[in-house]
Amino acid sequence: MSDALFSSEFEPADTHYLWRLWFADLLDLATSALLGWGALRALDVDRTPRALVVAGVVTWLVMSLAGGLSGWTLWRGVLGLRLVTDGSAPGPVRGLVRAVLVPVDLVISPFVQRRYGDRLQKVQPEAVPPFSKKWQRGLGWQGFWLVMVFASVWFAVMPTKREALGYLKKLDGWKCCNAKTPPSAFKCSTSVSRALSEAEDGDAQAQAIVKDCPRAAAEMGR
């Protein structure tokens, strides 16, 4: 019997690059959770479990929609894969349907060695070598999500309005405002900076706190 019968050409399309696509989907799902959390911090919304779930799901749907339109996501690009249907991007409808099916495939595919959700939609991965012309055409999509990741990390590190103003009202904030040594110099400087920004935008609460904070008042007067 010919060895060709056992080659990848005769394997079902949903088994191609199974583990590479599995890791890409897992990392994209984790990234959507990070972006949703970052969005809540950027909007200074209460980060309740329900809000975190809703933000993560909405972000995942948007990522899946964009992934359907282009075939690319951030982590697919990093791992050198693009999703296609008959050689073209799957489209927005398949992208949204896949958003629902991917969590199921992530759970069962390591055991059954198949991607039944992708098989159902006739979606399959194609390998795209990094730095090839086709890979470079996807950089715009990948770059957008990479910028969003950096923005989420920024909002995770920097204090929100409520965190900054709340900090400056506490004992550590008093030390920060009055040239004492606060426990965290970074938190002190970033909180004062955020309070100044809010005060300059006309926030009455921030203006009152800045007025009572010698360090912030001195920086505002410069």
Protein backbone atom coordinates (compact mmCIF):
# COMPACT_ATOMS: atom_id res chain seq x y z
CA MET A 1 0.00 0.00 0.00
CA SER A 2 1.32 3.43 -0.90
CA ASP A 3 2.58 5.67 1.90
CA ALA A 4 0.66 8.49 0.22
CA LEU A 5 -2.52 7.08 1.68
CA PHE A 6 -1.23 8.06 5.11
CA SER A 7 -0.05 11.55 4.16
CA SER A 8 -1.63 14.73 5.48
CA GLU A 9 -3.29 15.26 2.10
CA PHE A 10 -5.82 12.57 3.03
CA GLU A 11 -6.44 13.75 6.58
CA PRO A 12 -9.64 15.67 7.33
CA ALA A 13 -8.99 19.40 7.02
CA ASP A 14 -9.95 20.03 10.65
CA THR A 15 -7.01 17.92 11.87
CA HIS A 16 -4.39 20.04 10.10
CA TYR A 17 -2.27 22.07 12.54
CA LEU A 18 -4.59 20.94 15.33
CA TRP A 19 -2.41 21.91 18.27
CA ARG A 20 -1.15 25.13 16.74
CA LEU A 21 -4.72 26.31 16.18
CA TRP A 22 -5.73 25.08 19.65
CA PHE A 23 -3.07 27.25 21.30
CA ALA A 24 -3.92 30.22 19.07
CA ASP A 25 -7.61 30.00 20.00
CA LEU A 26 -6.81 29.61 23.70
CA LEU A 27 -4.52 32.66 23.66
CA ASP A 28 -7.07 34.69 21.68
CA LEU A 29 -9.75 33.80 24.22
CA ALA A 30 -7.45 34.84 27.09
CA THR A 31 -6.62 38.06 25.22
CA SER A 32 -10.31 38.90 24.87
CA ALA A 33 -10.67 38.60 28.66
CA LEU A 34 -7.68 40.93 29.13
CA LEU A 35 -9.10 43.46 26.65
CA GLY A 36 -12.52 43.36 28.32
CA TRP A 37 -10.93 43.99 31.72
CA GLY A 38 -8.87 46.83 30.26
CA ALA A 39 -11.98 48.38 28.73
CA LEU A 40 -13.76 48.38 32.10
CA ARG A 41 -10.77 50.07 33.72
CA ALA A 42 -10.57 52.62 30.91
CA LEU A 43 -14.26 53.46 31.44
CA ASP A 44 -13.85 53.29 35.25
CA VAL A 45 -16.75 50.84 35.54
CA ASP A 46 -17.25 48.61 38.56
CA ARG A 47 -15.47 45.36 37.78
CA THR A 48 -18.07 42.96 39.13
CA PRO A 49 -17.94 39.31 38.01
CA ARG A 50 -20.94 39.94 35.76
CA ALA A 51 -19.37 43.03 34.17
CA LEU A 52 -16.11 41.15 33.57
CA VAL A 53 -17.93 38.27 31.89
CA VAL A 54 -20.01 40.59 29.71
CA ALA A 55 -16.96 42.67 28.69
CA GLY A 56 -14.96 39.54 27.89
CA VAL A 57 -17.79 37.99 25.84
CA VAL A 58 -18.41 41.19 23.88
CA THR A 59 -14.70 41.52 23.14
CA TRP A 60 -14.52 37.87 22.08
CA LEU A 61 -17.44 38.38 19.68
CA VAL A 62 -15.76 41.46 18.17
CA MET A 63 -12.46 39.60 17.82
CA SER A 64 -14.22 36.64 16.20
CA LEU A 65 -16.09 38.93 13.81
CA ALA A 66 -12.83 40.59 12.77
CA GLY A 67 -11.19 37.17 12.53
CA GLY A 68 -13.96 36.01 10.22
CA LEU A 69 -13.58 39.05 7.99
CA SER A 70 -9.82 38.66 7.63
CA GLY A 71 -8.97 35.12 8.69
CA TRP A 72 -6.41 36.61 11.08
CA THR A 73 -6.19 37.14 14.80
CA LEU A 74 -3.20 38.26 16.84
CA TRP A 75 -2.17 34.79 17.96
CA ARG A 76 -2.96 33.04 14.71
CA GLY A 77 -0.57 35.47 13.09
CA VAL A 78 2.09 34.83 15.73
CA LEU A 79 1.77 31.07 15.19
CA GLY A 80 1.71 31.37 11.39
CA LEU A 81 -1.89 30.34 10.73
CA ARG A 82 -4.82 31.87 8.88
CA LEU A 83 -8.38 30.52 8.81
CA VAL A 84 -9.90 30.08 5.36
CA THR A 85 -12.96 28.67 3.63
CA ASP A 86 -12.28 27.60 0.05
CA GLY A 87 -9.11 29.69 0.08
CA SER A 88 -10.77 32.93 1.28
CA ALA A 89 -11.54 34.49 4.67
CA PRO A 90 -14.46 32.69 6.35
CA GLY A 91 -16.63 35.82 6.53
CA PRO A 92 -18.44 37.57 9.41
CA VAL A 93 -21.22 35.01 9.87
CA ARG A 94 -18.82 32.09 10.19
CA GLY A 95 -16.66 34.23 12.47
CA LEU A 96 -19.54 34.86 14.88
CA VAL A 97 -20.74 31.25 14.79
CA ARG A 98 -17.18 30.12 15.45
CA ALA A 99 -17.10 32.37 18.52
CA VAL A 100 -19.74 30.10 20.05
CA LEU A 101 -18.18 26.84 18.85
CA VAL A 102 -14.54 27.52 19.76
CA PRO A 103 -14.94 27.06 23.55
CA VAL A 104 -16.52 23.65 22.90
CA ASP A 105 -13.77 22.68 20.44
CA LEU A 106 -11.10 23.79 22.91
CA VAL A 107 -12.46 21.32 25.46
CA ILE A 108 -13.07 18.28 23.24
CA SER A 109 -10.44 18.55 20.48
CA PRO A 110 -7.47 17.38 22.62
CA PHE A 111 -9.38 14.14 23.28
CA VAL A 112 -10.98 13.47 19.89
CA GLN A 113 -8.17 15.03 17.79
CA ARG A 114 -10.77 16.76 15.63
CA ARG A 115 -12.23 20.27 15.31
CA TYR A 116 -15.88 19.40 14.78
CA GLY A 117 -17.02 23.03 14.99
CA ASP A 118 -14.65 24.02 12.20
CA ARG A 119 -15.61 20.94 10.19
CA LEU A 120 -19.28 21.89 10.51
CA GLN A 121 -18.56 25.33 9.07
CA LYS A 122 -16.04 24.08 6.48
CA VAL A 123 -13.38 26.29 8.05
CA GLN A 124 -9.77 25.16 8.11
CA PRO A 125 -6.35 26.62 8.97
CA GLU A 126 -3.69 27.22 6.37
CA ALA A 127 -0.04 27.65 7.26
CA VAL A 128 1.37 31.07 6.40
CA PRO A 129 5.15 31.31 6.90
CA PRO A 130 6.13 34.34 9.02
CA PHE A 131 7.40 37.32 7.01
CA SER A 132 5.98 35.94 3.77
CA LYS A 133 3.95 38.35 1.61
CA LYS A 134 0.63 36.82 2.71
CA TRP A 135 1.68 37.03 6.36
CA GLN A 136 2.67 40.67 5.93
CA ARG A 137 -0.76 41.48 4.47
CA GLY A 138 -2.25 40.39 7.79
CA LEU A 139 -0.04 42.65 9.89
CA GLY A 140 -2.64 45.41 9.99
CA TRP A 141 -5.17 43.14 11.71
CA GLN A 142 -2.56 41.68 14.04
CA GLY A 143 -1.11 45.11 14.82
CA PHE A 144 -4.51 46.50 15.80
CA TRP A 145 -5.04 43.82 18.43
CA LEU A 146 -1.46 44.15 19.64
CA VAL A 147 -2.05 47.88 20.23
CA MET A 148 -5.23 47.00 22.13
CA VAL A 149 -3.25 44.59 24.33
CA PHE A 150 -0.69 47.30 25.14
CA ALA A 151 -3.53 49.74 25.89
CA SER A 152 -5.14 47.21 28.26
CA VAL A 153 -1.85 46.70 30.08
CA TRP A 154 -1.50 50.49 30.36
CA PHE A 155 -4.98 50.85 31.89
CA ALA A 156 -4.21 47.93 34.22
CA VAL A 157 -1.08 49.66 35.52
CA MET A 158 -2.39 53.23 35.72
CA PRO A 159 -4.96 54.11 38.39
CA THR A 160 -8.55 54.86 37.43
CA LYS A 161 -10.12 58.14 38.48
CA ARG A 162 -11.77 56.57 41.53
CA GLU A 163 -8.61 54.74 42.55
CA ALA A 164 -6.49 57.90 42.27
CA LEU A 165 -8.87 60.14 44.20
CA GLY A 166 -9.56 57.45 46.78
CA TYR A 167 -5.83 56.92 47.32
CA LEU A 168 -5.17 60.65 47.87
CA LYS A 169 -7.83 60.72 50.59
CA LYS A 170 -6.10 58.00 52.61
CA LEU A 171 -3.07 58.12 54.91
CA ASP A 172 -0.72 56.98 52.13
CA GLY A 173 -2.14 59.74 49.97
CA TRP A 174 -1.54 62.30 52.72
CA LYS A 175 2.11 61.20 52.87
CA CYS A 176 2.27 61.52 49.11
CA CYS A 177 0.77 65.01 49.13
CA ASN A 178 2.90 66.31 51.98
CA ALA A 179 6.36 65.27 50.81
CA LYS A 180 6.51 62.32 53.17
CA THR A 181 7.74 58.94 51.98
CA PRO A 182 4.74 56.96 50.70
CA PRO A 183 4.80 53.16 50.51
CA SER A 184 4.74 53.33 46.71
CA ALA A 185 6.35 56.23 44.87
CA PHE A 186 4.87 55.02 41.58
CA LYS A 187 1.34 54.95 42.96
CA CYS A 188 1.87 58.37 44.45
CA SER A 189 3.06 59.98 41.22
CA THR A 190 0.47 58.31 38.99
CA SER A 191 -2.39 59.16 41.36
CA VAL A 192 -1.35 62.81 41.53
CA SER A 193 -1.04 62.89 37.74
CA ARG A 194 -4.52 61.41 37.28
CA ALA A 195 -6.04 63.80 39.84
CA LEU A 196 -4.45 66.76 38.05
CA SER A 197 -5.79 65.56 34.72
CA GLU A 198 -9.31 65.22 36.10
CA ALA A 199 -9.09 68.61 37.84
CA GLU A 200 -8.00 70.29 34.61
CA ASP A 201 -11.00 68.71 32.90
CA GLY A 202 -13.28 70.43 35.39
CA ASP A 203 -14.08 67.59 37.81
CA ALA A 204 -15.19 69.26 41.06
CA GLN A 205 -14.16 66.37 43.32
CA ALA A 206 -10.70 66.23 41.77
CA GLN A 207 -10.30 70.00 42.06
CA ALA A 208 -11.11 69.85 45.77
CA ILE A 209 -8.60 67.06 46.36
CA VAL A 210 -5.90 68.85 44.35
CA LYS A 211 -6.51 72.01 46.37
CA ASP A 212 -5.91 70.08 49.62
CA CYS A 213 -2.84 68.28 48.23
CA PRO A 214 0.26 70.55 48.33
CA ARG A 215 2.17 68.39 45.87
CA ALA A 216 -0.66 68.38 43.33
CA ALA A 217 -1.39 72.07 43.83
CA ALA A 218 2.29 72.92 43.27
CA GLU A 219 2.39 70.89 40.05
CA MET A 220 -0.85 72.45 38.86
CA GLY A 221 0.58 75.93 39.35
CA ARG A 222 3.61 75.28 37.15
